[in-house]
Amino acid sequence: MKTISIIFISFLFLTTVYGQDISKHRVIVLTDIEADPDDTQSLVRLLLYSNEIEIKGIVATTSCWMTNSIHPESINRVIDAYAKVQANLLKHDQGFPKATSIKALVKEGLPKYGMLGVGKGMDSEGSDWIITELEKDDERPLWISTWGGVNTLAQALYKIDATKSTQEATRLISKLRVYTISDQDDSAIWIRNNFPDLFYVVSPGDDYGSATWTGINTYVNGVDNTTISNSWIAQHIQQNHGPLGAVYPDVAWGVEGDTPAFLSLIPNGLNNAEHPEFGGWGGRYELYKPDFSGMKDGSSIVTIAPETRKIWTNAIDSYTPYIPNEFGRSVKKDTSTYLNDKVTLWRWRDDFQYDFAARMDWTIKSYEESNHPPVPVLIHPKEITVKSGTGFTLDAFDTYDPDGDNFSFLWFHYPEPGSYNKLITVNGAENVHMAYFTAPNVEKKETAHFILKVTDKGEPPLTRYKRVVVTITP
């Protein structure tokens, strides 16, 4: 096996250093659908964002939970439900593709577990499709959103390595981006060992309790967990929400455990998928080689193996929520602060759950009866430079809401993504369109990330963001 070194500089033209991506992300999903109802749940949600994310393939695969069967028919069943609501979704956005075009993208991996399905003669419709998409004249990265086992991708990499020149293999593989929900077969560690520069986001191993992605369904003491409750899901997703709601199954283990693998691809003003360290709806990850000394085996057949390379993996946020205040200033800081990796995901959970609920409404309601997200508009660039110790103002005066709803502002410093990690507080009110800050005194150039959160007062309330990266010079 040749070791392929991948140079990522070629991707800089796709984004600014800190800016949002300039086009839709393209994605191929690998799903062990029917191993757990959460794959079906995640597929329902994904189809509701098919106007925002360019789906390039949905591949039925195996996993440690379903080692010798695949179920493309279950994928098609959800797409059939989508077909019945696509016309109504078009009342809200013209970007929703026809169901027939999505069905043409449903492919099959081999019904073999892990490395038993990797090697000479193990090509599948799914692995060949990954290569076909990579070879297209499209310079955008190709995201592999992995909800189960990853051996279909492993086989594509094996074939590329065996049949392409080193230069061509490097070019193709450098376009790959992988976000996988832990390790659900033994081909995952094989990929990371043999392709050491591949962009790979994962909480490794199968100890799911230690994984960032479980923040989507973790019950958190001291906060309102309503939006992941079964009663909330029944009311806002499943019942009286048309054909897609009708095929959304009850929770068996954890609700939508696979959804974080594509949440970071949704363009919401916060997400920047090329920079997992920035944080967003899919969580926040940093690039390092994790220490396995404290890691334990989970309940699957996947064996934990030490990492031989750096991966994008668990990172920690310190988070103190803002909560409603009944009198006076409309928000105040809570008295509890949370510090762990799951915080990086669940801190946004209400926002993306309400967004999902609104899109379920889009499947059955008119534009006038539904809510649509506000549009934050900065009156200055998303990247600014200020002098150490001086004051500066961030302003989103031109923000608007397409439905004419009232909306609320919230400005805050997000310390962890920047190089300057000490909290920079707002001078005065943080819930108005214009926020004042004082740059800290620094001895070298530093960066600080500031987030604007705009939430309307529609039903359900919807949120969009702007990220401003401030460079502070001595």
Protein backbone atom coordinates (compact mmCIF):
# COMPACT_ATOMS: atom_id res chain seq x y z
CA MET A 1 0.00 0.00 0.00
CA LYS A 2 1.49 3.31 -1.04
CA THR A 3 1.41 6.09 1.54
CA ILE A 4 -0.31 9.05 -0.06
CA SER A 5 0.62 12.52 1.12
CA ILE A 6 -2.14 15.05 0.56
CA ILE A 7 -1.57 18.77 0.23
CA PHE A 8 -4.55 20.81 1.30
CA ILE A 9 -3.34 24.20 0.06
CA SER A 10 -5.24 23.62 -3.19
CA PHE A 11 -8.46 24.13 -1.29
CA LEU A 12 -7.76 27.66 -0.15
CA PHE A 13 -9.46 29.09 -3.22
CA LEU A 14 -12.74 27.52 -2.13
CA THR A 15 -13.03 29.62 0.99
CA THR A 16 -11.49 32.59 2.63
CA VAL A 17 -9.50 31.73 5.72
CA TYR A 18 -12.43 32.40 7.99
CA GLY A 19 -15.34 32.89 5.59
CA GLN A 20 -18.31 30.73 4.75
CA ASP A 21 -18.13 28.32 1.83
CA ILE A 22 -19.16 29.96 -1.42
CA SER A 23 -21.27 27.10 -2.80
CA LYS A 24 -23.35 24.15 -1.68
CA HIS A 25 -21.46 21.28 -0.11
CA ARG A 26 -21.69 18.02 -2.02
CA VAL A 27 -22.09 14.88 0.06
CA ILE A 28 -22.31 11.10 -0.25
CA VAL A 29 -23.98 9.35 2.68
CA LEU A 30 -22.99 5.87 3.87
CA THR A 31 -25.82 4.45 5.97
CA ASP A 32 -26.42 1.17 7.79
CA ILE A 33 -30.13 1.94 7.68
CA GLU A 34 -32.24 -0.61 9.62
CA ALA A 35 -29.47 -1.29 12.13
CA ASP A 36 -31.07 1.47 14.25
CA PRO A 37 -34.11 3.68 13.58
CA ASP A 38 -31.92 6.77 13.86
CA ASP A 39 -30.63 6.36 10.27
CA THR A 40 -34.20 6.75 9.02
CA GLN A 41 -34.66 9.75 11.30
CA SER A 42 -31.50 11.38 9.95
CA LEU A 43 -32.48 10.66 6.34
CA VAL A 44 -35.80 12.45 6.83
CA ARG A 45 -33.93 15.49 8.11
CA LEU A 46 -31.30 15.35 5.36
CA LEU A 47 -33.93 15.37 2.61
CA LEU A 48 -35.44 18.50 4.13
CA TYR A 49 -32.07 20.22 3.58
CA SER A 50 -31.58 18.91 0.04
CA ASN A 51 -32.05 22.49 -1.16
CA GLU A 52 -29.04 23.54 0.94
CA ILE A 53 -26.80 20.45 0.62
CA GLU A 54 -26.13 18.81 -2.75
CA ILE A 55 -26.73 15.10 -2.23
CA LYS A 56 -24.47 13.12 -4.57
CA GLY A 57 -25.15 9.62 -3.30
CA ILE A 58 -26.85 7.58 -0.57
CA VAL A 59 -25.17 4.21 -0.14
CA ALA A 60 -26.63 1.31 1.85
CA THR A 61 -23.84 -0.25 3.92
CA THR A 62 -23.13 -2.66 6.75
CA SER A 63 -21.77 -1.91 10.22
CA CYS A 64 -20.83 -3.63 13.45
CA TRP A 65 -24.55 -3.65 14.26
CA MET A 66 -25.58 -5.23 10.93
CA THR A 67 -22.68 -7.18 9.47
CA ASN A 68 -24.04 -9.03 6.45
CA SER A 69 -27.06 -7.22 5.03
CA ILE A 70 -27.88 -3.87 3.46
CA HIS A 71 -31.25 -2.19 2.94
CA PRO A 72 -31.51 0.20 0.01
CA GLU A 73 -35.26 -0.39 -0.03
CA SER A 74 -35.52 1.45 3.28
CA ILE A 75 -33.75 4.45 1.75
CA ASN A 76 -36.19 4.42 -1.14
CA ARG A 77 -39.16 4.28 1.22
CA VAL A 78 -38.14 7.60 2.77
CA ILE A 79 -37.50 9.13 -0.66
CA ASP A 80 -41.01 7.99 -1.71
CA ALA A 81 -42.41 9.96 1.23
CA TYR A 82 -40.31 12.97 0.19
CA ALA A 83 -41.77 12.71 -3.32
CA LYS A 84 -45.22 13.40 -1.89
CA VAL A 85 -44.15 16.67 -0.26
CA GLN A 86 -41.53 18.00 -2.68
CA ALA A 87 -44.07 20.18 -4.48
CA ASN A 88 -45.04 21.86 -1.21
CA LEU A 89 -41.40 22.34 -0.22
CA LEU A 90 -40.92 24.25 -3.48
CA LYS A 91 -43.33 26.89 -2.17
CA HIS A 92 -40.64 27.73 0.40
CA ASP A 93 -37.47 27.37 -1.70
CA GLN A 94 -36.92 26.50 -5.34
CA GLY A 95 -33.86 24.36 -4.64
CA PHE A 96 -35.51 21.08 -3.62
CA PRO A 97 -34.60 18.36 -6.17
CA LYS A 98 -37.07 15.89 -7.62
CA ALA A 99 -37.38 12.58 -5.80
CA THR A 100 -36.55 10.70 -9.00
CA SER A 101 -33.16 12.42 -9.18
CA ILE A 102 -32.41 11.48 -5.57
CA LYS A 103 -33.51 7.88 -6.15
CA ALA A 104 -31.01 7.62 -8.98
CA LEU A 105 -28.31 8.31 -6.40
CA VAL A 106 -29.20 5.36 -4.14
CA LYS A 107 -26.39 2.81 -4.36
CA GLU A 108 -25.40 -0.47 -2.71
CA GLY A 109 -22.26 -1.32 -0.80
CA LEU A 110 -21.21 -4.92 -0.28
CA PRO A 111 -23.16 -6.91 2.34
CA LYS A 112 -19.88 -7.72 4.08
CA TYR A 113 -18.47 -6.50 7.37
CA GLY A 114 -15.52 -4.15 7.47
CA MET A 115 -12.26 -5.37 5.96
CA LEU A 116 -13.96 -8.52 4.68
CA GLY A 117 -15.34 -6.19 2.00
CA VAL A 118 -12.06 -4.44 1.16
CA GLY A 119 -9.48 -5.64 -1.35
CA LYS A 120 -9.16 -7.12 -4.80
CA GLY A 121 -12.55 -8.06 -6.26
CA MET A 122 -14.47 -6.19 -3.55
CA ASP A 123 -15.66 -3.27 -5.65
CA SER A 124 -19.31 -2.34 -5.27
CA GLU A 125 -21.78 0.01 -6.84
CA GLY A 126 -21.22 2.31 -3.86
CA SER A 127 -17.40 2.30 -3.90
CA ASP A 128 -17.29 2.86 -7.66
CA TRP A 129 -19.78 5.71 -7.29
CA ILE A 130 -17.49 7.51 -4.84
CA ILE A 131 -14.69 7.33 -7.41
CA THR A 132 -16.99 8.48 -10.21
CA GLU A 133 -18.02 11.52 -8.21
CA LEU A 134 -14.43 12.31 -7.28
CA GLU A 135 -13.40 12.19 -10.94
CA LYS A 136 -16.00 14.74 -12.02
CA ASP A 137 -14.85 18.19 -13.05
CA ASP A 138 -15.89 19.70 -9.72
CA GLU A 139 -13.29 21.25 -7.47
CA ARG A 140 -15.52 21.29 -4.41
CA PRO A 141 -14.59 18.85 -1.64
CA LEU A 142 -16.65 15.67 -1.54
CA TRP A 143 -17.95 14.99 1.95
CA ILE A 144 -18.49 11.37 3.01
CA SER A 145 -21.12 11.51 5.75
CA THR A 146 -20.75 8.14 7.45
CA TRP A 147 -23.63 6.89 9.58
CA GLY A 148 -22.50 3.26 9.85
CA GLY A 149 -19.55 1.27 8.57
CA VAL A 150 -17.00 2.94 6.32
CA ASN A 151 -15.75 0.00 4.25
CA THR A 152 -17.38 1.30 1.06
CA LEU A 153 -15.07 4.31 1.27
CA ALA A 154 -12.17 2.03 2.21
CA GLN A 155 -12.70 0.05 -0.97
CA ALA A 156 -12.82 3.22 -3.07
CA LEU A 157 -9.51 4.30 -1.53
CA TYR A 158 -8.03 0.84 -2.08
CA LYS A 159 -8.97 0.94 -5.78
CA ILE A 160 -7.71 4.49 -6.26
CA ASP A 161 -4.41 3.55 -4.65
CA ALA A 162 -4.09 0.40 -6.76
CA THR A 163 -5.08 1.83 -10.14
CA LYS A 164 -4.11 5.51 -10.22
CA SER A 165 -0.76 7.21 -10.43
CA THR A 166 0.51 8.68 -7.17
CA GLN A 167 -0.14 12.18 -8.50
CA GLU A 168 -3.70 11.41 -9.59
CA ALA A 169 -4.49 9.49 -6.40
CA THR A 170 -3.24 12.43 -4.36
CA ARG A 171 -5.40 14.82 -6.36
CA LEU A 172 -8.55 12.72 -5.94
CA ILE A 173 -8.10 11.88 -2.28
CA SER A 174 -7.29 15.48 -1.39
CA LYS A 175 -10.88 16.32 -2.36
CA LEU A 176 -12.32 13.96 0.27
CA ARG A 177 -13.71 15.09 3.62
CA VAL A 178 -14.92 12.42 6.06
CA TYR A 179 -17.18 12.90 9.08
CA THR A 180 -17.97 9.53 10.58
CA ILE A 181 -20.08 8.63 13.60
CA SER A 182 -17.44 6.86 15.71
CA ASP A 183 -15.91 3.61 14.39
CA GLN A 184 -18.53 1.11 13.29
CA ASP A 185 -16.27 -1.35 11.54
CA ASP A 186 -12.57 -2.26 11.41
CA SER A 187 -11.95 -0.51 8.09
CA ALA A 188 -12.01 2.90 9.79
CA ILE A 189 -8.63 2.52 11.51
CA TRP A 190 -7.26 0.92 8.31
CA ILE A 191 -8.19 4.06 6.37
CA ARG A 192 -6.60 6.37 8.90
CA ASN A 193 -3.39 4.31 9.08
CA ASN A 194 -2.97 3.99 5.32
CA PHE A 195 -4.06 7.48 4.29
CA PRO A 196 -2.54 9.56 7.07
CA ASP A 197 -3.35 12.97 5.61
CA LEU A 198 -7.00 12.28 4.77
CA PHE A 199 -9.32 14.90 6.31
CA TYR A 200 -11.10 12.75 8.92
CA VAL A 201 -13.51 13.89 11.64
CA VAL A 202 -14.30 11.23 14.24
CA SER A 203 -14.66 10.43 17.91
CA PRO A 204 -12.64 7.20 17.56
CA GLY A 205 -13.50 3.80 18.92
CA ASP A 206 -16.95 2.55 19.88
CA ASP A 207 -17.26 4.01 23.38
CA TYR A 208 -20.15 6.25 22.34
CA GLY A 209 -20.40 7.79 25.78
CA SER A 210 -17.07 9.52 25.06
CA ALA A 211 -18.11 10.82 21.64
CA THR A 212 -18.89 14.44 20.80
CA TRP A 213 -21.75 13.50 18.48
CA THR A 214 -23.81 12.10 21.37
CA GLY A 215 -24.39 15.70 22.40
CA ILE A 216 -27.33 15.64 20.00
CA ASN A 217 -29.26 13.29 22.29
CA THR A 218 -27.56 13.64 25.68
CA TYR A 219 -29.85 14.60 28.56
CA VAL A 220 -28.15 17.56 30.23
CA ASN A 221 -28.89 18.37 33.86
CA GLY A 222 -29.82 21.98 34.47
CA VAL A 223 -31.01 22.84 30.96
CA ASP A 224 -34.32 22.42 29.13
CA ASN A 225 -34.12 19.17 27.17
CA THR A 226 -37.63 19.44 25.72
CA THR A 227 -36.60 19.48 22.05
CA ILE A 228 -35.21 15.93 22.22
CA SER A 229 -38.15 14.55 24.19
CA ASN A 230 -40.40 11.92 22.64
CA SER A 231 -43.48 14.07 23.18
CA TRP A 232 -41.88 17.05 21.38
CA ILE A 233 -40.83 14.81 18.49
CA ALA A 234 -44.33 13.36 18.24
CA GLN A 235 -45.93 16.81 18.16
CA HIS A 236 -43.50 18.68 15.91
CA ILE A 237 -42.09 15.96 13.65
CA GLN A 238 -44.12 12.77 13.52
CA GLN A 239 -47.83 13.47 13.86
CA ASN A 240 -49.86 15.75 11.56
CA HIS A 241 -46.76 16.51 9.51
CA GLY A 242 -47.50 14.61 6.35
CA PRO A 243 -45.78 11.62 4.73
CA LEU A 244 -42.27 12.41 5.99
CA GLY A 245 -43.52 12.73 9.55
CA ALA A 246 -45.36 9.44 9.17
CA VAL A 247 -42.14 7.55 8.27
CA TYR A 248 -40.08 9.14 11.07
CA PRO A 249 -39.66 6.28 13.59
CA ASP A 250 -39.71 6.37 17.38
CA VAL A 251 -36.43 6.54 19.25
CA ALA A 252 -35.02 3.13 20.17
CA TRP A 253 -31.49 4.01 21.37
CA GLY A 254 -30.67 7.67 20.81
CA VAL A 255 -32.49 10.20 18.66
CA GLU A 256 -30.70 11.06 15.40
CA GLY A 257 -27.27 9.85 16.38
CA ASP A 258 -26.17 10.11 12.74
CA THR A 259 -27.37 13.65 12.06
CA PRO A 260 -24.19 15.39 13.35
CA ALA A 261 -22.37 13.90 10.34
CA PHE A 262 -24.07 16.46 8.08
CA LEU A 263 -25.23 19.27 10.40
CA SER A 264 -22.00 21.19 9.79
CA LEU A 265 -22.79 21.32 6.05
CA ILE A 266 -25.92 23.44 6.51
CA PRO A 267 -25.22 27.10 5.62
CA ASN A 268 -26.44 28.99 8.68
CA GLY A 269 -23.76 31.68 9.11
CA LEU A 270 -22.10 29.76 11.97
CA ASN A 271 -20.99 26.53 10.32
CA ASN A 272 -17.69 26.37 8.48
CA ALA A 273 -17.17 22.72 7.58
CA GLU A 274 -13.62 23.25 6.33
CA HIS A 275 -12.71 24.40 9.85
CA PRO A 276 -14.01 21.86 12.41
CA GLU A 277 -12.11 23.79 15.10
CA PHE A 278 -14.44 26.77 14.59
CA GLY A 279 -17.45 24.93 16.03
CA GLY A 280 -21.02 24.73 14.75
CA TRP A 281 -24.15 22.63 14.65
CA GLY A 282 -22.11 19.43 14.14
CA GLY A 283 -19.90 20.13 17.16
CA ARG A 284 -16.33 21.35 17.45
CA TYR A 285 -13.21 19.27 16.75
CA GLU A 286 -9.47 19.86 16.95
CA LEU A 287 -6.62 18.22 15.02
CA TYR A 288 -4.44 16.01 17.23
CA LYS A 289 -3.51 12.40 17.96
CA PRO A 290 -5.77 11.27 20.82
CA ASP A 291 -4.53 9.43 23.88
CA PHE A 292 -6.17 6.03 24.29
CA SER A 293 -4.95 5.36 27.83
CA GLY A 294 -8.33 6.16 29.36
CA MET A 295 -10.54 4.84 26.56
CA LYS A 296 -12.67 1.76 27.09
CA ASP A 297 -14.27 -0.70 24.72
CA GLY A 298 -17.93 -0.20 23.97
CA SER A 299 -20.51 -2.87 23.27
CA SER A 300 -19.73 -3.50 19.59
CA ILE A 301 -17.26 -5.88 17.93
CA VAL A 302 -14.96 -3.02 16.88
CA THR A 303 -11.60 -3.24 18.63
CA ILE A 304 -10.00 -0.05 19.87
CA ALA A 305 -6.61 0.55 18.31
CA PRO A 306 -4.14 3.36 19.00
CA GLU A 307 -4.13 6.18 16.48
CA THR A 308 -1.00 6.55 14.38
CA ARG A 309 -1.88 10.01 13.06
CA LYS A 310 -3.64 13.23 13.89
CA ILE A 311 -7.41 13.30 13.39
CA TRP A 312 -10.11 15.92 13.84
CA THR A 313 -11.55 14.77 17.15
CA ASN A 314 -13.16 15.79 20.46
CA ALA A 315 -12.63 19.35 21.69
CA ILE A 316 -13.90 21.08 24.83
CA ASP A 317 -16.01 24.22 25.17
CA SER A 318 -16.78 26.18 28.31
CA TYR A 319 -20.38 27.32 27.93
CA THR A 320 -22.62 29.47 30.11
CA PRO A 321 -26.08 29.68 28.53
CA TYR A 322 -28.07 32.86 28.17
CA ILE A 323 -31.61 32.47 29.49
CA PRO A 324 -34.74 34.62 29.17
CA ASN A 325 -35.21 37.40 31.70
CA GLU A 326 -38.80 38.45 32.33
CA PHE A 327 -38.21 42.06 33.38
CA GLY A 328 -35.62 44.55 32.20
CA ARG A 329 -32.99 43.31 29.75
CA SER A 330 -34.57 40.38 27.92
CA VAL A 331 -31.66 37.96 28.51
CA LYS A 332 -29.25 37.16 31.29
CA LYS A 333 -26.49 34.65 31.85
CA ASP A 334 -27.35 31.44 33.63
CA THR A 335 -25.67 30.55 36.90
CA SER A 336 -24.35 27.22 35.55
CA THR A 337 -21.33 26.72 33.30
CA TYR A 338 -20.74 23.50 31.34
CA LEU A 339 -17.32 22.19 30.34
CA ASN A 340 -16.92 19.14 28.07
CA ASP A 341 -16.80 18.03 24.44
CA LYS A 342 -20.55 17.36 24.09
CA VAL A 343 -21.21 21.01 24.97
CA THR A 344 -19.75 21.92 21.57
CA LEU A 345 -22.81 20.33 19.97
CA TRP A 346 -25.72 20.53 22.39
CA ARG A 347 -25.21 24.28 22.94
CA TRP A 348 -26.86 24.73 19.49
CA ARG A 349 -29.39 21.92 19.89
CA ASP A 350 -32.58 23.94 20.36
CA ASP A 351 -31.66 26.04 17.32
CA PHE A 352 -31.29 23.10 14.94
CA GLN A 353 -34.26 21.23 16.40
CA TYR A 354 -36.54 24.22 15.86
CA ASP A 355 -35.11 24.57 12.35
CA PHE A 356 -36.00 20.93 11.66
CA ALA A 357 -39.53 21.44 13.01
CA ALA A 358 -40.03 24.47 10.76
CA ARG A 359 -39.00 22.48 7.72
CA MET A 360 -41.43 19.73 8.66
CA ASP A 361 -44.09 22.47 8.61
CA TRP A 362 -42.91 23.41 5.12
CA THR A 363 -43.93 19.95 3.90
CA ILE A 364 -47.62 20.60 4.57
CA LYS A 365 -48.17 24.36 4.99
CA SER A 366 -48.17 27.37 2.72
CA TYR A 367 -45.43 29.97 2.83
CA GLU A 368 -47.72 32.37 4.71
CA GLU A 369 -48.55 29.77 7.37
CA SER A 370 -44.92 28.82 8.02
CA ASN A 371 -41.88 30.38 9.60
CA HIS A 372 -38.63 31.13 7.77
CA PRO A 373 -35.28 32.08 9.27
CA PRO A 374 -34.16 35.67 9.76
CA VAL A 375 -31.32 37.09 7.69
CA PRO A 376 -28.50 38.68 9.72
CA VAL A 377 -26.71 41.43 7.81
CA LEU A 378 -23.47 42.98 9.03
CA ILE A 379 -22.68 46.58 8.08
CA HIS A 380 -18.95 45.76 8.13
CA PRO A 381 -16.73 42.88 6.91
CA LYS A 382 -16.70 39.46 8.57
CA GLU A 383 -12.98 39.89 9.23
CA ILE A 384 -11.61 43.04 10.86
CA THR A 385 -8.34 44.09 12.47
CA VAL A 386 -8.11 46.20 15.62
CA LYS A 387 -5.32 47.54 17.77
CA SER A 388 -4.59 46.09 21.19
CA GLY A 389 -6.44 47.97 23.94
CA THR A 390 -8.77 49.90 21.62
CA GLY A 391 -12.53 49.77 21.41
CA PHE A 392 -14.45 48.43 18.43
CA THR A 393 -18.09 48.03 17.41
CA LEU A 394 -19.85 45.14 15.71
CA ASP A 395 -23.14 46.04 14.06
CA ALA A 396 -25.91 44.16 12.22
CA PHE A 397 -28.32 47.05 11.76
CA ASP A 398 -29.60 45.85 8.35
CA THR A 399 -30.80 42.47 9.64
CA TYR A 400 -34.30 41.52 8.49
CA ASP A 401 -36.87 38.74 8.64
CA PRO A 402 -38.60 37.50 5.46
CA ASP A 403 -41.89 36.94 7.29
CA GLY A 404 -41.87 40.34 8.97
CA ASP A 405 -41.36 38.77 12.39
CA ASN A 406 -39.81 40.57 15.30
CA PHE A 407 -36.35 39.20 16.13
CA SER A 408 -33.76 39.28 18.90
CA PHE A 409 -30.00 39.86 18.78
CA LEU A 410 -27.37 38.18 20.92
CA TRP A 411 -23.65 38.95 20.60
CA PHE A 412 -20.97 36.89 22.36
CA HIS A 413 -17.29 36.03 22.17
CA TYR A 414 -16.61 32.36 21.36
CA PRO A 415 -13.14 31.93 22.90
CA GLU A 416 -12.19 28.39 21.89
CA PRO A 417 -11.95 28.77 18.07
CA GLY A 418 -9.60 31.75 18.26
CA SER A 419 -6.00 32.02 19.43
CA TYR A 420 -7.06 34.43 22.20
CA ASN A 421 -8.88 32.16 24.66
CA LYS A 422 -9.74 34.53 27.51
CA LEU A 423 -13.36 35.69 27.48
CA ILE A 424 -13.95 39.16 26.02
CA THR A 425 -17.21 40.51 27.40
CA VAL A 426 -19.59 42.98 25.79
CA ASN A 427 -19.42 46.55 27.10
CA GLY A 428 -23.07 47.07 27.92
CA ALA A 429 -26.00 45.22 26.35
CA GLU A 430 -25.36 42.11 24.29
CA ASN A 431 -28.92 41.92 22.89
CA VAL A 432 -29.01 44.93 20.55
CA HIS A 433 -27.95 45.26 16.92
CA MET A 434 -24.74 47.07 17.87
CA ALA A 435 -22.27 45.63 20.38
CA TYR A 436 -19.21 47.35 21.83
CA PHE A 437 -16.03 45.53 22.83
CA THR A 438 -12.57 46.48 24.02
CA ALA A 439 -9.66 44.62 22.45
CA PRO A 440 -7.47 43.05 25.14
CA ASN A 441 -3.82 43.98 25.47
CA VAL A 442 -1.78 41.41 23.58
CA GLU A 443 1.94 40.88 23.01
CA LYS A 444 1.54 39.12 19.66
CA LYS A 445 -1.10 38.97 16.94
CA GLU A 446 -4.18 37.12 18.14
CA THR A 447 -7.57 36.16 16.69
CA ALA A 448 -10.93 36.23 18.45
CA HIS A 449 -14.24 34.88 17.18
CA PHE A 450 -17.46 36.79 17.87
CA ILE A 451 -20.86 35.29 17.14
CA LEU A 452 -24.06 37.14 16.36
CA LYS A 453 -27.14 35.03 16.99
CA VAL A 454 -30.41 36.36 15.53
CA THR A 455 -33.62 34.58 16.55
CA ASP A 456 -37.08 35.48 15.34
CA LYS A 457 -40.27 35.24 17.36
CA GLY A 458 -42.12 33.05 14.89
CA GLU A 459 -43.41 29.56 15.56
CA PRO A 460 -41.12 27.75 15.96
CA PRO A 461 -38.45 30.41 16.64
CA LEU A 462 -35.66 30.24 14.05
CA THR A 463 -32.03 31.28 14.36
CA ARG A 464 -29.27 32.32 11.98
CA TYR A 465 -25.81 33.64 12.77
CA LYS A 466 -22.87 35.73 11.67
CA ARG A 467 -19.31 34.98 12.71
CA VAL A 468 -16.89 37.90 12.91
CA VAL A 469 -13.21 37.09 13.23
CA VAL A 470 -11.25 39.95 14.81
CA THR A 471 -7.48 40.07 14.49
CA ILE A 472 -5.91 41.90 17.42
CA THR A 473 -2.48 43.39 16.86
CA PRO A 474 -0.05 44.59 19.57
